[in-house]
Every structure is written in C-alpha cells, then in structure tokens.
Amino acid sequence: QVRYQSPTIAGFAVRVSNFTPFVAYAASGCTKTVAGAVNCTPTTLGQIGNGSAHSGNQVQLTYANGPVTASLMSQRGTYSNAVAGATKLQSIDGTYDFGVVKLFAQTWSQKLVSGVVDNEGYGLSANVPVGAWNFKVGMRKFSGATVDSTTTILTDRTSYGATYSLSKRTTAVALLANDKAYVGKAKSNNSYLGLTHSF
C-alpha cells in the first residue's frame, strides 16, 4: 500500500490510496514508477472515493541527486460513488536539504474529468535537526474544492512538532496542530504526545 501524503506535517495525510507500485525505469538519479489499483474498497473516511470501490493508474517521475529531491506525479481513477466519479490528480513536490534545515514544498490539484476542481492546494514544511532532536514546522492549505459531502474532511493545518531519538529504534514525539475546516471555517486544536518504535 502506497500512501500519498501531505508534506511531513507529523505524518498527517491529505489523502490515502491503495495503489501498488512497479519501478519501470531508474537511471542517473531519475526513477519512473507506474502503479495500478483495481476494485479497491477503502473504508476509512478520507481515502480515495470516500469509501467507494475504485480503480485507476498512476505515473510518477522522481529525481534525487545530493540534497535535491523532486517528484512529478499524475494519477487517474474511476470511483463508484456519484460524487467523486472519474478524477485526475497531479502533484509536484520537492525537498532541499541544507544540512541545518530540510525544506519541503508541494502543490497538488485533483479535478473531475469534466475539469471541475475536486480539491487543490499546497503545503510547506521545514525540519531542523539538533543533535538527537528534530524540530518541525509545517502548513497545508486548500486553495479550492468542490463543496460536497467529501469536502467536510478537508482542513487547512499549521503544525509544530518535535521528536527526540531515545535510541536507534525508539523516538519520542510531540505535536501541536491548529486546524481550520475548509467548509464553515471552524477552528480546532489537536495535540499528540507519544513514542514510536520500529521492530
């Protein structure tokens, strides 16, 4: 399962898909990936199709060389619910590692095949490593969306976080996020404190 996420705002995703990738080409820092999904039925609100069965295809070109990473992705899917229908998603993202700070930027646009905007926006984030600490700040903003039953899950977000490496596999995490709903503009604050461990 491949998760297409917003910038590293403490792992909060803009969207999630069930596409299975196949690396088709890799040379000189460039990697071309094609992927496909057939009859996937997500059940979590916020996944592609908002709970409907879907199929589709995806092509992604990634360039990585030294401190620079950039990616261009195009995805097209057909969903069983009447709200989503057939949609196209394009995104461009990139990172630059200055050593003292790592910057990330992303823009995306998801449209119905008719050309009507389903949702689009952009995100920025910065990670600053200081010894065992890693401080994070980021934002995600929707610049347009079709107002329908799926729009209620869209939120603009500004987040602040910090991680501390207790060991090679265990990390303490703290997060504060300020959210504002795209529809209605209701504001909320979310916080998280916990541990992550990789086995």
C-alpha atoms as a PDB file:
ATOM      1  CA  GLN A   1       0.000   0.000   0.000  1.00  0.00           C
ATOM      2  CA  VAL A   2       1.390   3.364  -1.017  1.00  0.00           C
ATOM      3  CA  ARG A   3       0.353   6.422   0.968  1.00  0.00           C
ATOM      4  CA  TYR A   4       0.366   9.739  -0.823  1.00  0.00           C
ATOM      5  CA  GLN A   5       0.770  12.327   1.911  1.00  0.00           C
ATOM      6  CA  SER A   6       0.993  15.989   2.547  1.00  0.00           C
ATOM      7  CA  PRO A   7       4.390  17.405   3.474  1.00  0.00           C
ATOM      8  CA  THR A   8       5.842  15.924   6.611  1.00  0.00           C
ATOM      9  CA  ILE A   9       3.424  17.624   8.967  1.00  0.00           C
ATOM     10  CA  ALA A  10       3.888  14.920  11.571  1.00  0.00           C
ATOM     11  CA  GLY A  11       2.572  12.301   9.165  1.00  0.00           C
ATOM     12  CA  PHE A  12      -0.918  13.730   8.617  1.00  0.00           C
ATOM     13  CA  ALA A  13      -2.127  12.741   5.158  1.00  0.00           C
ATOM     14  CA  VAL A  14      -4.006  14.784   2.593  1.00  0.00           C
ATOM     15  CA  ARG A  15      -5.240  11.574   1.003  1.00  0.00           C
ATOM     16  CA  VAL A  16      -4.552   7.851   1.056  1.00  0.00           C
ATOM     17  CA  SER A  17      -4.639   5.393  -1.839  1.00  0.00           C
ATOM     18  CA  ASN A  18      -4.226   1.654  -2.369  1.00  0.00           C
ATOM     19  CA  PHE A  19      -2.059   1.843  -5.489  1.00  0.00           C
ATOM     20  CA  THR A  20       0.571  -0.886  -5.949  1.00  0.00           C
ATOM     21  CA  PRO A  21       3.810   0.483  -7.484  1.00  0.00           C
ATOM     22  CA  PHE A  22       6.161  -1.042 -10.058  1.00  0.00           C
ATOM     23  CA  VAL A  23       9.508   0.651 -10.749  1.00  0.00           C
ATOM     24  CA  ALA A  24       9.771   0.793 -14.515  1.00  0.00           C
ATOM     25  CA  TYR A  25      12.946   2.818 -15.012  1.00  0.00           C
ATOM     26  CA  ALA A  26      15.829   4.061 -12.879  1.00  0.00           C
ATOM     27  CA  ALA A  27      18.987   5.837 -14.086  1.00  0.00           C
ATOM     28  CA  SER A  28      21.075   8.952 -13.375  1.00  0.00           C
ATOM     29  CA  GLY A  29      19.110   9.909 -10.295  1.00  0.00           C
ATOM     30  CA  CYS A  30      15.732   9.570 -12.059  1.00  0.00           C
ATOM     31  CA  THR A  31      13.153   6.927 -11.212  1.00  0.00           C
ATOM     32  CA  LYS A  32       9.950   6.375 -13.180  1.00  0.00           C
ATOM     33  CA  THR A  33       7.232   4.465 -11.331  1.00  0.00           C
ATOM     34  CA  VAL A  34       3.942   3.179 -12.699  1.00  0.00           C
ATOM     35  CA  ALA A  35       1.168   1.863 -10.464  1.00  0.00           C
ATOM     36  CA  GLY A  36      -2.316   0.457 -10.684  1.00  0.00           C
ATOM     37  CA  ALA A  37      -5.293  -0.372  -8.498  1.00  0.00           C
ATOM     38  CA  VAL A  38      -8.342  -2.468  -9.311  1.00  0.00           C
ATOM     39  CA  ASN A  39     -11.530  -2.850  -7.269  1.00  0.00           C
ATOM     40  CA  CYS A  40     -10.079  -1.406  -4.076  1.00  0.00           C
ATOM     41  CA  THR A  41     -12.673  -0.535  -1.449  1.00  0.00           C
ATOM     42  CA  PRO A  42     -11.292   1.786   1.244  1.00  0.00           C
ATOM     43  CA  THR A  43     -13.355   2.019   4.398  1.00  0.00           C
ATOM     44  CA  THR A  44     -11.732   4.983   6.150  1.00  0.00           C
ATOM     45  CA  LEU A  45     -13.218   8.417   5.603  1.00  0.00           C
ATOM     46  CA  GLY A  46     -10.699  10.453   3.657  1.00  0.00           C
ATOM     47  CA  GLN A  47      -9.401   7.701   1.400  1.00  0.00           C
ATOM     48  CA  ILE A  48      -9.883   7.805  -2.366  1.00  0.00           C
ATOM     49  CA  GLY A  49     -13.539   7.674  -3.305  1.00  0.00           C
ATOM     50  CA  ASN A  50     -14.622   8.343   0.273  1.00  0.00           C
ATOM     51  CA  GLY A  51     -15.428   4.673   0.895  1.00  0.00           C
ATOM     52  CA  SER A  52     -16.317   3.697  -2.682  1.00  0.00           C
ATOM     53  CA  ALA A  53     -14.744   0.998  -4.833  1.00  0.00           C
ATOM     54  CA  HIS A  54     -12.245   2.386  -7.307  1.00  0.00           C
ATOM     55  CA  SER A  55      -9.662   1.546  -9.953  1.00  0.00           C
ATOM     56  CA  GLY A  56      -7.041   3.639 -11.636  1.00  0.00           C
ATOM     57  CA  ASN A  57      -3.471   4.157 -12.760  1.00  0.00           C
ATOM     58  CA  GLN A  58      -0.570   6.367 -11.737  1.00  0.00           C
ATOM     59  CA  VAL A  59       2.730   7.520 -13.221  1.00  0.00           C
ATOM     60  CA  GLN A  60       5.410   9.198 -11.136  1.00  0.00           C
ATOM     61  CA  LEU A  61       8.831  10.589 -12.044  1.00  0.00           C
ATOM     62  CA  THR A  62      11.284  11.195  -9.199  1.00  0.00           C
ATOM     63  CA  TYR A  63      14.690  12.868  -9.349  1.00  0.00           C
ATOM     64  CA  ALA A  64      17.156  12.598  -6.472  1.00  0.00           C
ATOM     65  CA  ASN A  65      20.678  13.997  -6.552  1.00  0.00           C
ATOM     66  CA  GLY A  66      22.584  15.154  -3.492  1.00  0.00           C
ATOM     67  CA  PRO A  67      20.454  17.490  -1.366  1.00  0.00           C
ATOM     68  CA  VAL A  68      17.719  17.792  -4.015  1.00  0.00           C
ATOM     69  CA  THR A  69      14.700  15.532  -4.420  1.00  0.00           C
ATOM     70  CA  ALA A  70      11.816  16.357  -6.772  1.00  0.00           C
ATOM     71  CA  SER A  71       8.772  14.409  -7.863  1.00  0.00           C
ATOM     72  CA  LEU A  72       6.073  14.812 -10.506  1.00  0.00           C
ATOM     73  CA  MET A  73       3.022  12.556 -10.256  1.00  0.00           C
ATOM     74  CA  SER A  74      -0.110  12.065 -12.339  1.00  0.00           C
ATOM     75  CA  GLN A  75      -2.955   9.786 -11.290  1.00  0.00           C
ATOM     76  CA  ARG A  76      -6.339   8.985 -12.814  1.00  0.00           C
ATOM     77  CA  GLY A  77      -9.049   6.957 -11.149  1.00  0.00           C
ATOM     78  CA  THR A  78     -12.680   5.978 -11.553  1.00  0.00           C
ATOM     79  CA  TYR A  79     -14.830   5.680  -8.445  1.00  0.00           C
ATOM     80  CA  SER A  80     -18.208   4.103  -7.932  1.00  0.00           C
ATOM     81  CA  ASN A  81     -19.844   6.922  -5.976  1.00  0.00           C
ATOM     82  CA  ALA A  82     -21.644   9.651  -7.868  1.00  0.00           C
ATOM     83  CA  VAL A  83     -19.897  12.487  -6.026  1.00  0.00           C
ATOM     84  CA  ALA A  84     -16.342  11.570  -6.991  1.00  0.00           C
ATOM     85  CA  GLY A  85     -16.849   9.938 -10.381  1.00  0.00           C
ATOM     86  CA  ALA A  86     -13.707   9.869 -12.533  1.00  0.00           C
ATOM     87  CA  THR A  87     -10.949  12.174 -11.291  1.00  0.00           C
ATOM     88  CA  LYS A  88      -7.421  13.213 -12.195  1.00  0.00           C
ATOM     89  CA  LEU A  89      -4.738  14.130  -9.658  1.00  0.00           C
ATOM     90  CA  GLN A  90      -1.465  15.899 -10.412  1.00  0.00           C
ATOM     91  CA  SER A  91       1.156  16.865  -7.861  1.00  0.00           C
ATOM     92  CA  ILE A  92       4.630  18.380  -7.780  1.00  0.00           C
ATOM     93  CA  ASP A  93       6.803  18.214  -4.694  1.00  0.00           C
ATOM     94  CA  GLY A  94      10.410  18.750  -3.797  1.00  0.00           C
ATOM     95  CA  THR A  95      12.857  18.817  -0.907  1.00  0.00           C
ATOM     96  CA  TYR A  96      16.173  20.538  -0.390  1.00  0.00           C
ATOM     97  CA  ASP A  97      18.494  19.549   2.420  1.00  0.00           C
ATOM     98  CA  PHE A  98      20.678  22.449   3.586  1.00  0.00           C
ATOM     99  CA  GLY A  99      22.113  20.321   6.380  1.00  0.00           C
ATOM    100  CA  VAL A 100      20.960  22.638   9.166  1.00  0.00           C
ATOM    101  CA  VAL A 101      17.401  22.610   7.811  1.00  0.00           C
ATOM    102  CA  LYS A 102      15.464  20.453   5.337  1.00  0.00           C
ATOM    103  CA  LEU A 103      12.715  22.204   3.376  1.00  0.00           C
ATOM    104  CA  PHE A 104       9.735  20.569   1.663  1.00  0.00           C
ATOM    105  CA  ALA A 105       7.209  22.089  -0.742  1.00  0.00           C
ATOM    106  CA  GLN A 106       4.245  20.524  -2.535  1.00  0.00           C
ATOM    107  CA  THR A 107       1.344  21.555  -4.698  1.00  0.00           C
ATOM    108  CA  TRP A 108      -1.494  19.340  -5.903  1.00  0.00           C
ATOM    109  CA  SER A 109      -4.673  19.543  -7.948  1.00  0.00           C
ATOM    110  CA  GLN A 110      -7.421  16.941  -8.144  1.00  0.00           C
ATOM    111  CA  LYS A 111     -10.083  17.538 -10.765  1.00  0.00           C
ATOM    112  CA  LEU A 112     -13.068  15.710 -12.176  1.00  0.00           C
ATOM    113  CA  VAL A 113     -12.590  14.679 -15.808  1.00  0.00           C
ATOM    114  CA  SER A 114     -15.021  17.478 -16.670  1.00  0.00           C
ATOM    115  CA  GLY A 115     -12.383  19.939 -15.420  1.00  0.00           C
ATOM    116  CA  VAL A 116     -14.240  20.906 -12.225  1.00  0.00           C
ATOM    117  CA  VAL A 117     -11.849  21.202  -9.253  1.00  0.00           C
ATOM    118  CA  ASP A 118     -12.422  18.490  -6.622  1.00  0.00           C
ATOM    119  CA  ASN A 119      -9.679  19.819  -4.348  1.00  0.00           C
ATOM    120  CA  GLU A 120      -6.334  21.532  -4.759  1.00  0.00           C
ATOM    121  CA  GLY A 121      -3.806  23.236  -2.546  1.00  0.00           C
ATOM    122  CA  TYR A 122      -0.218  23.424  -1.384  1.00  0.00           C
ATOM    123  CA  GLY A 123       1.973  22.635   1.590  1.00  0.00           C
ATOM    124  CA  LEU A 124       5.289  23.720   3.072  1.00  0.00           C
ATOM    125  CA  SER A 125       7.367  22.304   5.890  1.00  0.00           C
ATOM    126  CA  ALA A 126      10.798  22.576   7.495  1.00  0.00           C
ATOM    127  CA  ASN A 127      12.713  20.070   9.626  1.00  0.00           C
ATOM    128  CA  VAL A 128      15.608  21.270  11.798  1.00  0.00           C
ATOM    129  CA  PRO A 129      17.846  18.567  13.340  1.00  0.00           C
ATOM    130  CA  VAL A 130      19.716  19.487  16.527  1.00  0.00           C
ATOM    131  CA  GLY A 131      21.579  16.519  17.946  1.00  0.00           C
ATOM    132  CA  ALA A 132      19.021  13.894  18.974  1.00  0.00           C
ATOM    133  CA  TRP A 133      16.222  16.462  18.476  1.00  0.00           C
ATOM    134  CA  ASN A 134      14.329  17.154  15.262  1.00  0.00           C
ATOM    135  CA  PHE A 135      12.087  20.227  15.241  1.00  0.00           C
ATOM    136  CA  LYS A 136       9.311  20.502  12.650  1.00  0.00           C
ATOM    137  CA  VAL A 137       7.005  23.225  11.437  1.00  0.00           C
ATOM    138  CA  GLY A 138       4.593  22.931   8.522  1.00  0.00           C
ATOM    139  CA  MET A 139       1.421  24.126   6.897  1.00  0.00           C
ATOM    140  CA  ARG A 140      -1.166  22.767   4.451  1.00  0.00           C
ATOM    141  CA  LYS A 141      -3.752  24.932   2.712  1.00  0.00           C
ATOM    142  CA  PHE A 142      -6.583  24.097   0.335  1.00  0.00           C
ATOM    143  CA  SER A 143      -6.930  26.802  -2.297  1.00  0.00           C
ATOM    144  CA  GLY A 144     -10.066  25.328  -3.888  1.00  0.00           C
ATOM    145  CA  ALA A 145     -12.535  22.460  -3.565  1.00  0.00           C
ATOM    146  CA  THR A 146     -15.961  21.357  -4.740  1.00  0.00           C
ATOM    147  CA  VAL A 147     -18.391  21.699  -1.833  1.00  0.00           C
ATOM    148  CA  ASP A 148     -19.971  18.277  -1.397  1.00  0.00           C
ATOM    149  CA  SER A 149     -20.151  15.520   1.207  1.00  0.00           C
ATOM    150  CA  THR A 150     -16.425  14.759   0.877  1.00  0.00           C
ATOM    151  CA  THR A 151     -15.358  18.374   1.467  1.00  0.00           C
ATOM    152  CA  THR A 152     -16.189  18.237   5.165  1.00  0.00           C
ATOM    153  CA  ILE A 153     -12.977  16.298   5.856  1.00  0.00           C
ATOM    154  CA  LEU A 154     -10.712  18.955   4.301  1.00  0.00           C
ATOM    155  CA  THR A 155      -8.834  21.120   6.792  1.00  0.00           C
ATOM    156  CA  ASP A 156      -6.132  23.745   6.498  1.00  0.00           C
ATOM    157  CA  ARG A 157      -3.429  22.976   9.041  1.00  0.00           C
ATOM    158  CA  THR A 158      -0.486  24.650  10.718  1.00  0.00           C
ATOM    159  CA  SER A 159       1.570  22.334  12.882  1.00  0.00           C
ATOM    160  CA  TYR A 160       4.549  22.435  15.201  1.00  0.00           C
ATOM    161  CA  GLY A 161       6.342  19.356  16.425  1.00  0.00           C
ATOM    162  CA  ALA A 162       9.482  17.878  17.874  1.00  0.00           C
ATOM    163  CA  THR A 163      10.963  14.399  18.016  1.00  0.00           C
ATOM    164  CA  TYR A 164      13.727  13.085  20.243  1.00  0.00           C
ATOM    165  CA  SER A 165      15.664   9.928  19.425  1.00  0.00           C
ATOM    166  CA  LEU A 166      15.870   7.796  22.535  1.00  0.00           C
ATOM    167  CA  SER A 167      17.656   5.061  20.599  1.00  0.00           C
ATOM    168  CA  LYS A 168      18.128   3.901  17.013  1.00  0.00           C
ATOM    169  CA  ARG A 169      14.594   2.468  17.000  1.00  0.00           C
ATOM    170  CA  THR A 170      12.678   4.472  19.591  1.00  0.00           C
ATOM    171  CA  THR A 171      11.623   8.099  19.228  1.00  0.00           C
ATOM    172  CA  ALA A 172       9.558  10.393  21.435  1.00  0.00           C
ATOM    173  CA  VAL A 173       7.095  12.587  19.509  1.00  0.00           C
ATOM    174  CA  ALA A 174       5.243  15.779  20.448  1.00  0.00           C
ATOM    175  CA  LEU A 175       2.874  17.660  18.125  1.00  0.00           C
ATOM    176  CA  LEU A 176       0.576  20.664  18.209  1.00  0.00           C
ATOM    177  CA  ALA A 177      -1.678  21.343  15.202  1.00  0.00           C
ATOM    178  CA  ASN A 178      -4.042  24.224  14.525  1.00  0.00           C
ATOM    179  CA  ASP A 179      -6.776  23.228  12.069  1.00  0.00           C
ATOM    180  CA  LYS A 180      -9.407  25.229  10.197  1.00  0.00           C
ATOM    181  CA  ALA A 181     -12.160  23.458   8.269  1.00  0.00           C
ATOM    182  CA  TYR A 182     -12.417  24.342   4.581  1.00  0.00           C
ATOM    183  CA  VAL A 183     -16.220  24.377   4.889  1.00  0.00           C
ATOM    184  CA  GLY A 184     -17.540  26.577   7.692  1.00  0.00           C
ATOM    185  CA  LYS A 185     -14.023  27.639   8.786  1.00  0.00           C
ATOM    186  CA  ALA A 186     -14.463  26.060  12.222  1.00  0.00           C
ATOM    187  CA  LYS A 187     -11.175  26.039  14.142  1.00  0.00           C
ATOM    188  CA  SER A 188      -9.759  23.307  16.351  1.00  0.00           C
ATOM    189  CA  ASN A 189      -6.505  22.443  18.085  1.00  0.00           C
ATOM    190  CA  ASN A 190      -5.011  18.966  18.244  1.00  0.00           C
ATOM    191  CA  SER A 191      -2.052  17.731  20.268  1.00  0.00           C
ATOM    192  CA  TYR A 192      -0.177  14.458  20.366  1.00  0.00           C
ATOM    193  CA  LEU A 193       2.466  13.042  22.698  1.00  0.00           C
ATOM    194  CA  GLY A 194       3.796   9.547  22.338  1.00  0.00           C
ATOM    195  CA  LEU A 195       6.523   7.084  21.386  1.00  0.00           C
ATOM    196  CA  THR A 196       7.301   5.353  18.110  1.00  0.00           C
ATOM    197  CA  HIS A 197       9.331   2.154  17.838  1.00  0.00           C
ATOM    198  CA  SER A 198      10.435   0.245  14.762  1.00  0.00           C
ATOM    199  CA  PHE A 199      10.926  -3.510  15.023  1.00  0.00           C
END
